[in-house]
Amino acid sequence: MSWKFDNSSPIYMQIMEQIKKMIARGELNPGDRVPAVRDMALTAGVNPNTMQKALSELERAGILVSNRTAGRFVADLGENSGKLKIDSGFRLTKNYVDGMRELGFNDNELLDSVNNYIKM
């Protein structure tokens, strides 16, 4: 896992998003064991409490499940597994579109920009 953080949002939320992306890309699959909090915190370079908060929030969201004796695991999201990828993509699209509109791009210019980038 390569961890990258910025000042755009709290670190625990960025950790959550990165774990969601890993699940959406298939790097973490249902039933996979998630490393221990301290191990993940060490590799990410964050406080264990920050990592604990992120993992607890993912549990609350039903993305991870906990087994007291065995640790945390990626939940089987069943029919909702594709939703995680779609939701992540929607957030990225929203950020892009909002940023472009702040720069003054209209919808046609925005679409042209995307099309030009894809053709590169």
PDB file of N, CA and C in Angstrom:
ATOM      1  N   MET A   1       0.826  -1.181   0.000  1.00  0.00           N
ATOM      2  CA  MET A   1       0.000   0.000   0.000  1.00  0.00           C
ATOM      3  C   MET A   1       0.874   1.250   0.000  1.00  0.00           C
ATOM      4  N   SER A   2       0.592   2.125  -0.916  1.00  0.00           N
ATOM      5  CA  SER A   2       1.291   3.403  -0.972  1.00  0.00           C
ATOM      6  C   SER A   2       0.315   4.467  -0.481  1.00  0.00           C
ATOM      7  N   TRP A   3       0.662   5.133   0.586  1.00  0.00           N
ATOM      8  CA  TRP A   3      -0.224   6.114   1.192  1.00  0.00           C
ATOM      9  C   TRP A   3       0.219   7.529   0.828  1.00  0.00           C
ATOM     10  N   LYS A   4      -0.732   8.328   0.341  1.00  0.00           N
ATOM     11  CA  LYS A   4      -0.471   9.718   0.016  1.00  0.00           C
ATOM     12  C   LYS A   4      -1.573  10.562   0.641  1.00  0.00           C
ATOM     13  N   PHE A   5      -1.171  11.600   1.355  1.00  0.00           N
ATOM     14  CA  PHE A   5      -2.138  12.463   2.015  1.00  0.00           C
ATOM     15  C   PHE A   5      -1.891  13.913   1.622  1.00  0.00           C
ATOM     16  N   ASP A   6      -2.962  14.693   1.664  1.00  0.00           N
ATOM     17  CA  ASP A   6      -2.847  16.122   1.415  1.00  0.00           C
ATOM     18  C   ASP A   6      -3.670  16.862   2.462  1.00  0.00           C
ATOM     19  N   ASN A   7      -3.789  18.145   2.314  1.00  0.00           N
ATOM     20  CA  ASN A   7      -4.506  18.958   3.298  1.00  0.00           C
ATOM     21  C   ASN A   7      -5.963  19.203   2.921  1.00  0.00           C
ATOM     22  N   SER A   8      -6.477  18.477   1.931  1.00  0.00           N
ATOM     23  CA  SER A   8      -7.824  18.735   1.437  1.00  0.00           C
ATOM     24  C   SER A   8      -8.925  18.265   2.381  1.00  0.00           C
ATOM     25  N   SER A   9      -8.643  17.260   3.194  1.00  0.00           N
ATOM     26  CA  SER A   9      -9.638  16.721   4.121  1.00  0.00           C
ATOM     27  C   SER A   9      -8.908  15.991   5.242  1.00  0.00           C
ATOM     28  N   PRO A  10      -9.629  15.650   6.315  1.00  0.00           N
ATOM     29  CA  PRO A  10      -8.973  14.939   7.415  1.00  0.00           C
ATOM     30  C   PRO A  10      -8.314  13.639   6.939  1.00  0.00           C
ATOM     31  N   ILE A  11      -7.191  13.304   7.550  1.00  0.00           N
ATOM     32  CA  ILE A  11      -6.432  12.130   7.127  1.00  0.00           C
ATOM     33  C   ILE A  11      -7.260  10.853   7.237  1.00  0.00           C
ATOM     34  N   TYR A  12      -8.057  10.712   8.295  1.00  0.00           N
ATOM     35  CA  TYR A  12      -8.836   9.477   8.428  1.00  0.00           C
ATOM     36  C   TYR A  12      -9.798   9.303   7.253  1.00  0.00           C
ATOM     37  N   MET A  13     -10.332  10.414   6.739  1.00  0.00           N
ATOM     38  CA  MET A  13     -11.230  10.321   5.581  1.00  0.00           C
ATOM     39  C   MET A  13     -10.450   9.935   4.325  1.00  0.00           C
ATOM     40  N   GLN A  14      -9.232  10.449   4.191  1.00  0.00           N
ATOM     41  CA  GLN A  14      -8.398  10.084   3.051  1.00  0.00           C
ATOM     42  C   GLN A  14      -8.021   8.602   3.114  1.00  0.00           C
ATOM     43  N   ILE A  15      -7.766   8.100   4.315  1.00  0.00           N
ATOM     44  CA  ILE A  15      -7.478   6.673   4.483  1.00  0.00           C
ATOM     45  C   ILE A  15      -8.687   5.857   4.045  1.00  0.00           C
ATOM     46  N   MET A  16      -9.864   6.275   4.484  1.00  0.00           N
ATOM     47  CA  MET A  16     -11.091   5.570   4.092  1.00  0.00           C
ATOM     48  C   MET A  16     -11.234   5.527   2.573  1.00  0.00           C
ATOM     49  N   GLU A  17     -11.027   6.662   1.926  1.00  0.00           N
ATOM     50  CA  GLU A  17     -11.161   6.726   0.471  1.00  0.00           C
ATOM     51  C   GLU A  17     -10.136   5.825  -0.221  1.00  0.00           C
ATOM     52  N   GLN A  18      -8.912   5.813   0.279  1.00  0.00           N
ATOM     53  CA  GLN A  18      -7.886   4.973  -0.338  1.00  0.00           C
ATOM     54  C   GLN A  18      -8.225   3.492  -0.190  1.00  0.00           C
ATOM     55  N   ILE A  19      -8.753   3.106   0.955  1.00  0.00           N
ATOM     56  CA  ILE A  19      -9.143   1.704   1.153  1.00  0.00           C
ATOM     57  C   ILE A  19     -10.324   1.361   0.249  1.00  0.00           C
ATOM     58  N   LYS A  20     -11.284   2.263   0.133  1.00  0.00           N
ATOM     59  CA  LYS A  20     -12.415   2.034  -0.775  1.00  0.00           C
ATOM     60  C   LYS A  20     -11.939   1.854  -2.214  1.00  0.00           C
ATOM     61  N   LYS A  21     -10.973   2.676  -2.629  1.00  0.00           N
ATOM     62  CA  LYS A  21     -10.433   2.561  -3.987  1.00  0.00           C
ATOM     63  C   LYS A  21      -9.739   1.213  -4.178  1.00  0.00           C
ATOM     64  N   MET A  22      -9.029   0.750  -3.155  1.00  0.00           N
ATOM     65  CA  MET A  22      -8.349  -0.542  -3.257  1.00  0.00           C
ATOM     66  C   MET A  22      -9.365  -1.668  -3.414  1.00  0.00           C
ATOM     67  N   ILE A  23     -10.490  -1.551  -2.744  1.00  0.00           N
ATOM     68  CA  ILE A  23     -11.552  -2.549  -2.878  1.00  0.00           C
ATOM     69  C   ILE A  23     -12.178  -2.443  -4.262  1.00  0.00           C
ATOM     70  N   ALA A  24     -12.464  -1.224  -4.707  1.00  0.00           N
ATOM     71  CA  ALA A  24     -13.089  -1.010  -6.019  1.00  0.00           C
ATOM     72  C   ALA A  24     -12.209  -1.540  -7.148  1.00  0.00           C
ATOM     73  N   ARG A  25     -10.867  -1.403  -7.003  1.00  0.00           N
ATOM     74  CA  ARG A  25      -9.938  -1.879  -8.038  1.00  0.00           C
ATOM     75  C   ARG A  25      -9.676  -3.381  -7.939  1.00  0.00           C
ATOM     76  N   GLY A  26     -10.159  -4.005  -6.878  1.00  0.00           N
ATOM     77  CA  GLY A  26      -9.938  -5.438  -6.713  1.00  0.00           C
ATOM     78  C   GLY A  26      -8.619  -5.779  -6.049  1.00  0.00           C
ATOM     79  N   GLU A  27      -7.938  -4.787  -5.481  1.00  0.00           N
ATOM     80  CA  GLU A  27      -6.705  -5.056  -4.749  1.00  0.00           C
ATOM     81  C   GLU A  27      -7.005  -5.691  -3.398  1.00  0.00           C
ATOM     82  N   LEU A  28      -8.163  -5.379  -2.849  1.00  0.00           N
ATOM     83  CA  LEU A  28      -8.681  -6.025  -1.656  1.00  0.00           C
ATOM     84  C   LEU A  28     -10.016  -6.644  -2.032  1.00  0.00           C
ATOM     85  N   ASN A  29     -10.193  -7.903  -1.725  1.00  0.00           N
ATOM     86  CA  ASN A  29     -11.403  -8.628  -2.104  1.00  0.00           C
ATOM     87  C   ASN A  29     -12.179  -9.065  -0.875  1.00  0.00           C
ATOM     88  N   PRO A  30     -13.476  -9.357  -1.046  1.00  0.00           N
ATOM     89  CA  PRO A  30     -14.271  -9.844   0.082  1.00  0.00           C
ATOM     90  C   PRO A  30     -13.572 -11.013   0.773  1.00  0.00           C
ATOM     91  N   GLY A  31     -13.508 -10.929   2.086  1.00  0.00           N
ATOM     92  CA  GLY A  31     -12.874 -11.976   2.872  1.00  0.00           C
ATOM     93  C   GLY A  31     -11.406 -11.743   3.150  1.00  0.00           C
ATOM     94  N   ASP A  32     -10.774 -10.810   2.430  1.00  0.00           N
ATOM     95  CA  ASP A  32      -9.362 -10.506   2.684  1.00  0.00           C
ATOM     96  C   ASP A  32      -9.211  -9.889   4.064  1.00  0.00           C
ATOM     97  N   ARG A  33      -8.176 -10.326   4.764  1.00  0.00           N
ATOM     98  CA  ARG A  33      -7.885  -9.770   6.080  1.00  0.00           C
ATOM     99  C   ARG A  33      -7.154  -8.444   5.909  1.00  0.00           C
ATOM    100  N   VAL A  34      -7.586  -7.458   6.680  1.00  0.00           N
ATOM    101  CA  VAL A  34      -6.945  -6.147   6.677  1.00  0.00           C
ATOM    102  C   VAL A  34      -5.835  -6.191   7.733  1.00  0.00           C
ATOM    103  N   PRO A  35      -4.656  -5.674   7.413  1.00  0.00           N
ATOM    104  CA  PRO A  35      -3.575  -5.673   8.412  1.00  0.00           C
ATOM    105  C   PRO A  35      -4.002  -5.008   9.722  1.00  0.00           C
ATOM    106  N   ALA A  36      -3.296  -5.314  10.784  1.00  0.00           N
ATOM    107  CA  ALA A  36      -3.574  -4.738  12.094  1.00  0.00           C
ATOM    108  C   ALA A  36      -3.439  -3.219  12.058  1.00  0.00           C
ATOM    109  N   VAL A  37      -4.172  -2.563  12.933  1.00  0.00           N
ATOM    110  CA  VAL A  37      -4.176  -1.099  12.999  1.00  0.00           C
ATOM    111  C   VAL A  37      -2.760  -0.548  13.122  1.00  0.00           C
ATOM    112  N   ARG A  38      -1.986  -1.073  14.038  1.00  0.00           N
ATOM    113  CA  ARG A  38      -0.630  -0.552  14.261  1.00  0.00           C
ATOM    114  C   ARG A  38       0.254  -0.750  13.024  1.00  0.00           C
ATOM    115  N   ASP A  39       0.122  -1.891  12.368  1.00  0.00           N
ATOM    116  CA  ASP A  39       0.914  -2.145  11.164  1.00  0.00           C
ATOM    117  C   ASP A  39       0.539  -1.171  10.051  1.00  0.00           C
ATOM    118  N   MET A  40      -0.757  -0.974   9.861  1.00  0.00           N
ATOM    119  CA  MET A  40      -1.199  -0.048   8.820  1.00  0.00           C
ATOM    120  C   MET A  40      -0.794   1.377   9.149  1.00  0.00           C
ATOM    121  N   ALA A  41      -0.907   1.754  10.419  1.00  0.00           N
ATOM    122  CA  ALA A  41      -0.528   3.104  10.827  1.00  0.00           C
ATOM    123  C   ALA A  41       0.959   3.340  10.582  1.00  0.00           C
ATOM    124  N   LEU A  42       1.760   2.342  10.870  1.00  0.00           N
ATOM    125  CA  LEU A  42       3.200   2.457  10.672  1.00  0.00           C
ATOM    126  C   LEU A  42       3.539   2.647   9.197  1.00  0.00           C
ATOM    127  N   THR A  43       2.936   1.822   8.318  1.00  0.00           N
ATOM    128  CA  THR A  43       3.234   1.935   6.888  1.00  0.00           C
ATOM    129  C   THR A  43       2.683   3.234   6.296  1.00  0.00           C
ATOM    130  N   ALA A  44       1.557   3.715   6.854  1.00  0.00           N
ATOM    131  CA  ALA A  44       0.961   4.961   6.346  1.00  0.00           C
ATOM    132  C   ALA A  44       1.616   6.191   6.957  1.00  0.00           C
ATOM    133  N   GLY A  45       2.354   6.003   8.050  1.00  0.00           N
ATOM    134  CA  GLY A  45       2.988   7.136   8.711  1.00  0.00           C
ATOM    135  C   GLY A  45       2.005   8.013   9.462  1.00  0.00           C
ATOM    136  N   VAL A  46       0.963   7.383  10.037  1.00  0.00           N
ATOM    137  CA  VAL A  46      -0.039   8.133  10.788  1.00  0.00           C
ATOM    138  C   VAL A  46      -0.154   7.579  12.203  1.00  0.00           C
ATOM    139  N   ASN A  47      -0.812   8.320  13.049  1.00  0.00           N
ATOM    140  CA  ASN A  47      -1.064   7.904  14.414  1.00  0.00           C
ATOM    141  C   ASN A  47      -2.020   6.696  14.390  1.00  0.00           C
ATOM    142  N   PRO A  48      -1.779   5.688  15.223  1.00  0.00           N
ATOM    143  CA  PRO A  48      -2.689   4.533  15.266  1.00  0.00           C
ATOM    144  C   PRO A  48      -4.141   4.919  15.550  1.00  0.00           C
ATOM    145  N   ASN A  49      -4.359   5.984  16.326  1.00  0.00           N
ATOM    146  CA  ASN A  49      -5.734   6.424  16.596  1.00  0.00           C
ATOM    147  C   ASN A  49      -6.429   6.901  15.323  1.00  0.00           C
ATOM    148  N   THR A  50      -5.663   7.541  14.443  1.00  0.00           N
ATOM    149  CA  THR A  50      -6.220   7.997  13.165  1.00  0.00           C
ATOM    150  C   THR A  50      -6.616   6.803  12.308  1.00  0.00           C
ATOM    151  N   MET A  51      -5.747   5.798  12.253  1.00  0.00           N
ATOM    152  CA  MET A  51      -6.053   4.594  11.478  1.00  0.00           C
ATOM    153  C   MET A  51      -7.253   3.869  12.079  1.00  0.00           C
ATOM    154  N   GLN A  52      -7.294   3.785  13.394  1.00  0.00           N
ATOM    155  CA  GLN A  52      -8.416   3.130  14.076  1.00  0.00           C
ATOM    156  C   GLN A  52      -9.735   3.810  13.725  1.00  0.00           C
ATOM    157  N   LYS A  53      -9.735   5.134  13.717  1.00  0.00           N
ATOM    158  CA  LYS A  53     -10.954   5.880  13.387  1.00  0.00           C
ATOM    159  C   LYS A  53     -11.403   5.570  11.963  1.00  0.00           C
ATOM    160  N   ALA A  54     -10.465   5.547  11.027  1.00  0.00           N
ATOM    161  CA  ALA A  54     -10.805   5.257   9.627  1.00  0.00           C
ATOM    162  C   ALA A  54     -11.398   3.857   9.495  1.00  0.00           C
ATOM    163  N   LEU A  55     -10.766   2.883  10.119  1.00  0.00           N
ATOM    164  CA  LEU A  55     -11.245   1.503  10.013  1.00  0.00           C
ATOM    165  C   LEU A  55     -12.590   1.323  10.709  1.00  0.00           C
ATOM    166  N   SER A  56     -12.766   1.996  11.831  1.00  0.00           N
ATOM    167  CA  SER A  56     -14.055   1.927  12.531  1.00  0.00           C
ATOM    168  C   SER A  56     -15.173   2.515  11.679  1.00  0.00           C
ATOM    169  N   GLU A  57     -14.877   3.628  11.012  1.00  0.00           N
ATOM    170  CA  GLU A  57     -15.881   4.242  10.130  1.00  0.00           C
ATOM    171  C   GLU A  57     -16.218   3.316   8.951  1.00  0.00           C
ATOM    172  N   LEU A  58     -15.215   2.636   8.421  1.00  0.00           N
ATOM    173  CA  LEU A  58     -15.475   1.686   7.333  1.00  0.00           C
ATOM    174  C   LEU A  58     -16.308   0.510   7.831  1.00  0.00           C
ATOM    175  N   GLU A  59     -16.112   0.113   9.065  1.00  0.00           N
ATOM    176  CA  GLU A  59     -16.952  -0.929   9.661  1.00  0.00           C
ATOM    177  C   GLU A  59     -18.382  -0.439   9.778  1.00  0.00           C
ATOM    178  N   ARG A  60     -18.539   0.782  10.295  1.00  0.00           N
ATOM    179  CA  ARG A  60     -19.879   1.354  10.445  1.00  0.00           C
ATOM    180  C   ARG A  60     -20.607   1.422   9.106  1.00  0.00           C
ATOM    181  N   ALA A  61     -19.839   1.662   8.052  1.00  0.00           N
ATOM    182  CA  ALA A  61     -20.425   1.747   6.704  1.00  0.00           C
ATOM    183  C   ALA A  61     -20.682   0.378   6.094  1.00  0.00           C
ATOM    184  N   GLY A  62     -20.228  -0.681   6.775  1.00  0.00           N
ATOM    185  CA  GLY A  62     -20.455  -2.032   6.266  1.00  0.00           C
ATOM    186  C   GLY A  62     -19.444  -2.486   5.234  1.00  0.00           C
ATOM    187  N   ILE A  63     -18.365  -1.746   5.078  1.00  0.00           N
ATOM    188  CA  ILE A  63     -17.348  -2.088   4.090  1.00  0.00           C
ATOM    189  C   ILE A  63     -16.339  -3.079   4.672  1.00  0.00           C
ATOM    190  N   LEU A  64     -16.098  -2.963   5.968  1.00  0.00           N
ATOM    191  CA  LEU A  64     -15.254  -3.916   6.684  1.00  0.00           C
ATOM    192  C   LEU A  64     -16.095  -4.586   7.756  1.00  0.00           C
ATOM    193  N   VAL A  65     -15.715  -5.801   8.112  1.00  0.00           N
ATOM    194  CA  VAL A  65     -16.349  -6.504   9.226  1.00  0.00           C
ATOM    195  C   VAL A  65     -15.251  -6.923  10.194  1.00  0.00           C
ATOM    196  N   SER A  66     -15.620  -6.983  11.461  1.00  0.00           N
ATOM    197  CA  SER A  66     -14.642  -7.293  12.490  1.00  0.00           C
ATOM    198  C   SER A  66     -14.968  -8.618  13.151  1.00  0.00           C
ATOM    199  N   ASN A  67     -13.915  -9.383  13.414  1.00  0.00           N
ATOM    200  CA  ASN A  67     -14.017 -10.618  14.178  1.00  0.00           C
ATOM    201  C   ASN A  67     -13.048 -10.438  15.341  1.00  0.00           C
ATOM    202  N   ARG A  68     -13.556 -10.400  16.545  1.00  0.00           N
ATOM    203  CA  ARG A  68     -12.733 -10.074  17.720  1.00  0.00           C
ATOM    204  C   ARG A  68     -11.420 -10.846  17.783  1.00  0.00           C
ATOM    205  N   THR A  69     -11.451 -12.110  17.434  1.00  0.00           N
ATOM    206  CA  THR A  69     -10.234 -12.912  17.578  1.00  0.00           C
ATOM    207  C   THR A  69      -9.371 -12.949  16.326  1.00  0.00           C
ATOM    208  N   ALA A  70      -9.957 -12.641  15.181  1.00  0.00           N
ATOM    209  CA  ALA A  70      -9.209 -12.795  13.933  1.00  0.00           C
ATOM    210  C   ALA A  70      -8.857 -11.483  13.250  1.00  0.00           C
ATOM    211  N   GLY A  71      -9.460 -10.372  13.650  1.00  0.00           N
ATOM    212  CA  GLY A  71      -9.159  -9.091  13.034  1.00  0.00           C
ATOM    213  C   GLY A  71     -10.275  -8.572  12.153  1.00  0.00           C
ATOM    214  N   ARG A  72      -9.902  -7.677  11.247  1.00  0.00           N
ATOM    215  CA  ARG A  72     -10.871  -7.062  10.331  1.00  0.00           C
ATOM    216  C   ARG A  72     -10.723  -7.667   8.947  1.00  0.00           C
ATOM    217  N   PHE A  73     -11.861  -7.741   8.247  1.00  0.00           N
ATOM    218  CA  PHE A  73     -11.905  -8.317   6.917  1.00  0.00           C
ATOM    219  C   PHE A  73     -12.750  -7.447   6.005  1.00  0.00           C
ATOM    220  N   VAL A  74     -12.479  -7.535   4.715  1.00  0.00           N
ATOM    221  CA  VAL A  74     -13.303  -6.850   3.722  1.00  0.00           C
ATOM    222  C   VAL A  74     -14.645  -7.579   3.672  1.00  0.00           C
ATOM    223  N   ALA A  75     -15.716  -6.822   3.788  1.00  0.00           N
ATOM    224  CA  ALA A  75     -17.057  -7.397   3.783  1.00  0.00           C
ATOM    225  C   ALA A  75     -17.427  -7.860   2.379  1.00  0.00           C
ATOM    226  N   ASP A  76     -18.312  -8.825   2.327  1.00  0.00           N
ATOM    227  CA  ASP A  76     -18.876  -9.250   1.045  1.00  0.00           C
ATOM    228  C   ASP A  76     -20.036  -8.311   0.765  1.00  0.00           C
ATOM    229  N   LEU A  77     -19.841  -7.406  -0.164  1.00  0.00           N
ATOM    230  CA  LEU A  77     -20.842  -6.392  -0.455  1.00  0.00           C
ATOM    231  C   LEU A  77     -21.924  -6.888  -1.404  1.00  0.00           C
ATOM    232  N   GLY A  78     -21.762  -8.105  -1.911  1.00  0.00           N
ATOM    233  CA  GLY A  78     -22.762  -8.701  -2.798  1.00  0.00           C
ATOM    234  C   GLY A  78     -23.063  -7.819  -3.987  1.00  0.00           C
ATOM    235  N   GLU A  79     -24.333  -7.516  -4.169  1.00  0.00           N
ATOM    236  CA  GLU A  79     -24.761  -6.708  -5.309  1.00  0.00           C
ATOM    237  C   GLU A  79     -24.256  -5.269  -5.219  1.00  0.00           C
ATOM    238  N   ASN A  80     -23.862  -4.840  -4.033  1.00  0.00           N
ATOM    239  CA  ASN A  80     -23.391  -3.470  -3.846  1.00  0.00           C
ATOM    240  C   ASN A  80     -21.905  -3.306  -4.138  1.00  0.00           C
ATOM    241  N   SER A  81     -21.220  -4.383  -4.537  1.00  0.00           N
ATOM    242  CA  SER A  81     -19.779  -4.276  -4.774  1.00  0.00           C
ATOM    243  C   SER A  81     -19.459  -3.285  -5.897  1.00  0.00           C
ATOM    244  N   GLY A  82     -20.247  -3.257  -6.938  1.00  0.00           N
ATOM    245  CA  GLY A  82     -20.034  -2.310  -8.030  1.00  0.00           C
ATOM    246  C   GLY A  82     -20.376  -0.888  -7.628  1.00  0.00           C
ATOM    247  N   LYS A  83     -21.256  -0.743  -6.649  1.00  0.00           N
ATOM    248  CA  LYS A  83     -21.668   0.579  -6.179  1.00  0.00           C
ATOM    249  C   LYS A  83     -20.495   1.340  -5.582  1.00  0.00           C
ATOM    250  N   LEU A  84     -19.599   0.642  -4.921  1.00  0.00           N
ATOM    251  CA  LEU A  84     -18.435   1.293  -4.329  1.00  0.00           C
ATOM    252  C   LEU A  84     -17.592   1.959  -5.410  1.00  0.00           C
ATOM    253  N   LYS A  85     -17.399   1.269  -6.522  1.00  0.00           N
ATOM    254  CA  LYS A  85     -16.626   1.820  -7.634  1.00  0.00           C
ATOM    255  C   LYS A  85     -17.359   3.002  -8.264  1.00  0.00           C
ATOM    256  N   ILE A  86     -18.660   2.851  -8.450  1.00  0.00           N
ATOM    257  CA  ILE A  86     -19.464   3.918  -9.051  1.00  0.00           C
ATOM    258  C   ILE A  86     -19.472   5.152  -8.152  1.00  0.00           C
ATOM    259  N   ASP A  87     -19.646   4.945  -6.852  1.00  0.00           N
ATOM    260  CA  ASP A  87     -19.650   6.075  -5.915  1.00  0.00           C
ATOM    261  C   ASP A  87     -18.310   6.798  -5.906  1.00  0.00           C
ATOM    262  N   SER A  88     -17.232   6.040  -5.928  1.00  0.00           N
ATOM    263  CA  SER A  88     -15.902   6.658  -5.953  1.00  0.00           C
ATOM    264  C   SER A  88     -15.707   7.454  -7.234  1.00  0.00           C
ATOM    265  N   GLY A  89     -16.127   6.890  -8.350  1.00  0.00           N
ATOM    266  CA  GLY A  89     -16.029   7.589  -9.635  1.00  0.00           C
ATOM    267  C   GLY A  89     -16.871   8.845  -9.656  1.00  0.00           C
ATOM    268  N   PHE A  90     -18.054   8.774  -9.064  1.00  0.00           N
ATOM    269  CA  PHE A  90     -18.925   9.947  -9.015  1.00  0.00           C
ATOM    270  C   PHE A  90     -18.262  11.078  -8.231  1.00  0.00           C
ATOM    271  N   ARG A  91     -17.645  10.753  -7.099  1.00  0.00           N
ATOM    272  CA  ARG A  91     -16.981  11.786  -6.296  1.00  0.00           C
ATOM    273  C   ARG A  91     -15.837  12.435  -7.078  1.00  0.00           C
ATOM    274  N   LEU A  92     -15.065  11.621  -7.803  1.00  0.00           N
ATOM    275  CA  LEU A  92     -13.982  12.173  -8.611  1.00  0.00           C
ATOM    276  C   LEU A  92     -14.527  13.078  -9.716  1.00  0.00           C
ATOM    277  N   THR A  93     -15.592  12.631 -10.365  1.00  0.00           N
ATOM    278  CA  THR A  93     -16.213  13.423 -11.428  1.00  0.00           C
ATOM    279  C   THR A  93     -16.751  14.732 -10.873  1.00  0.00           C
ATOM    280  N   LYS A  94     -17.425  14.664  -9.735  1.00  0.00           N
ATOM    281  CA  LYS A  94     -17.982  15.862  -9.115  1.00  0.00           C
ATOM    282  C   LYS A  94     -16.876  16.870  -8.809  1.00  0.00           C
ATOM    283  N   ASN A  95     -15.779  16.399  -8.239  1.00  0.00           N
ATOM    284  CA  ASN A  95     -14.669  17.301  -7.921  1.00  0.00           C
ATOM    285  C   ASN A  95     -14.123  17.966  -9.180  1.00  0.00           C
ATOM    286  N   TYR A  96     -13.982  17.169 -10.252  1.00  0.00           N
ATOM    287  CA  TYR A  96     -13.464  17.705 -11.509  1.00  0.00           C
ATOM    288  C   TYR A  96     -14.420  18.755 -12.084  1.00  0.00           C
ATOM    289  N   VAL A  97     -15.696  18.393 -12.180  1.00  0.00           N
ATOM    290  CA  VAL A  97     -16.689  19.291 -12.771  1.00  0.00           C
ATOM    291  C   VAL A  97     -16.809  20.570 -11.944  1.00  0.00           C
ATOM    292  N   ASP A  98     -16.875  20.430 -10.642  1.00  0.00           N
ATOM    293  CA  ASP A  98     -16.969  21.623  -9.783  1.00  0.00           C
ATOM    294  C   ASP A  98     -15.750  22.523  -9.969  1.00  0.00           C
ATOM    295  N   GLY A  99     -14.563  21.927 -10.040  1.00  0.00           N
ATOM    296  CA  GLY A  99     -13.342  22.708 -10.246  1.00  0.00           C
ATOM    297  C   GLY A  99     -13.326  23.423 -11.578  1.00  0.00           C
ATOM    298  N   MET A 100     -13.750  22.734 -12.618  1.00  0.00           N
ATOM    299  CA  MET A 100     -13.780  23.350 -13.951  1.00  0.00           C
ATOM    300  C   MET A 100     -14.798  24.486 -14.002  1.00  0.00           C
ATOM    301  N   ARG A 101     -15.936  24.299 -13.358  1.00  0.00           N
ATOM    302  CA  ARG A 101     -16.953  25.365 -13.340  1.00  0.00           C
ATOM    303  C   ARG A 101     -16.448  26.577 -12.569  1.00  0.00           C
ATOM    304  N   GLU A 102     -15.679  26.331 -11.496  1.00  0.00           N
ATOM    305  CA  GLU A 102     -15.093  27.452 -10.749  1.00  0.00           C
ATOM    306  C   GLU A 102     -14.134  28.250 -11.629  1.00  0.00           C
ATOM    307  N   LEU A 103     -13.505  27.571 -12.588  1.00  0.00           N
ATOM    308  CA  LEU A 103     -12.600  28.250 -13.518  1.00  0.00           C
ATOM    309  C   LEU A 103     -13.350  28.968 -14.634  1.00  0.00           C
ATOM    310  N   GLY A 104     -14.671  28.763 -14.704  1.00  0.00           N
ATOM    311  CA  GLY A 104     -15.479  29.455 -15.703  1.00  0.00           C
ATOM    312  C   GLY A 104     -15.819  28.628 -16.935  1.00  0.00           C
ATOM    313  N   PHE A 105     -15.502  27.340 -16.936  1.00  0.00           N
ATOM    314  CA  PHE A 105     -15.845  26.483 -18.076  1.00  0.00           C
ATOM    315  C   PHE A 105     -17.343  26.214 -18.088  1.00  0.00           C
ATOM    316  N   ASN A 106     -17.958  26.300 -19.286  1.00  0.00           N
ATOM    317  CA  ASN A 106     -19.351  25.885 -19.407  1.00  0.00           C
ATOM    318  C   ASN A 106     -19.382  24.385 -19.722  1.00  0.00           C
ATOM    319  N   ASP A 107     -20.556  23.805 -19.798  1.00  0.00           N
ATOM    320  CA  ASP A 107     -20.665  22.353 -19.981  1.00  0.00           C
ATOM    321  C   ASP A 107     -20.005  21.870 -21.267  1.00  0.00           C
ATOM    322  N   ASN A 108     -20.194  22.600 -22.365  1.00  0.00           N
ATOM    323  CA  ASN A 108     -19.598  22.172 -23.638  1.00  0.00           C
ATOM    324  C   ASN A 108     -18.070  22.229 -23.584  1.00  0.00           C
ATOM    325  N   GLU A 109     -17.540  23.286 -22.997  1.00  0.00           N
ATOM    326  CA  GLU A 109     -16.083  23.405 -22.864  1.00  0.00           C
ATOM    327  C   GLU A 109     -15.534  22.302 -21.959  1.00  0.00           C
ATOM    328  N   LEU A 110     -16.281  21.990 -20.919  1.00  0.00           N
ATOM    329  CA  LEU A 110     -15.874  20.947 -19.994  1.00  0.00           C
ATOM    330  C   LEU A 110     -15.815  19.597 -20.712  1.00  0.00           C
ATOM    331  N   LEU A 111     -16.861  19.298 -21.474  1.00  0.00           N
ATOM    332  CA  LEU A 111     -16.884  18.036 -22.225  1.00  0.00           C
ATOM    333  C   LEU A 111     -15.783  17.994 -23.279  1.00  0.00           C
ATOM    334  N   ASP A 112     -15.542  19.109 -23.948  1.00  0.00           N
ATOM    335  CA  ASP A 112     -14.444  19.176 -24.922  1.00  0.00           C
ATOM    336  C   ASP A 112     -13.113  18.894 -24.242  1.00  0.00           C
ATOM    337  N   SER A 113     -12.936  19.443 -23.059  1.00  0.00           N
ATOM    338  CA  SER A 113     -11.707  19.225 -22.307  1.00  0.00           C
ATOM    339  C   SER A 113     -11.503  17.740 -21.988  1.00  0.00           C
ATOM    340  N   VAL A 114     -12.568  17.094 -21.561  1.00  0.00           N
ATOM    341  CA  VAL A 114     -12.491  15.652 -21.255  1.00  0.00           C
ATOM    342  C   VAL A 114     -12.190  14.855 -22.519  1.00  0.00           C
ATOM    343  N   ASN A 115     -12.899  15.162 -23.593  1.00  0.00           N
ATOM    344  CA  ASN A 115     -12.678  14.442 -24.857  1.00  0.00           C
ATOM    345  C   ASN A 115     -11.253  14.621 -25.366  1.00  0.00           C
ATOM    346  N   ASN A 116     -10.736  15.833 -25.280  1.00  0.00           N
ATOM    347  CA  ASN A 116      -9.363  16.093 -25.722  1.00  0.00           C
ATOM    348  C   ASN A 116      -8.362  15.316 -24.870  1.00  0.00           C
ATOM    349  N   TYR A 117      -8.618  15.259 -23.580  1.00  0.00           N
ATOM    350  CA  TYR A 117      -7.706  14.522 -22.694  1.00  0.00           C
ATOM    351  C   TYR A 117      -7.713  13.030 -23.002  1.00  0.00           C
ATOM    352  N   ILE A 118      -8.901  12.494 -23.253  1.00  0.00           N
ATOM    353  CA  ILE A 118      -9.033  11.061 -23.540  1.00  0.00           C
ATOM    354  C   ILE A 118      -8.299  10.716 -24.849  1.00  0.00           C
ATOM    355  N   LYS A 119      -8.328  11.614 -25.823  1.00  0.00           N
ATOM    356  CA  LYS A 119      -7.693  11.368 -27.122  1.00  0.00           C
ATOM    357  C   LYS A 119      -6.180  11.450 -27.060  1.00  0.00           C
ATOM    358  N   MET A 120      -5.625  12.016 -25.984  1.00  0.00           N
ATOM    359  CA  MET A 120      -4.164  12.177 -25.861  1.00  0.00           C
ATOM    360  C   MET A 120      -3.482  10.833 -25.784  1.00  0.00           C
TER     361      MET A 120
END
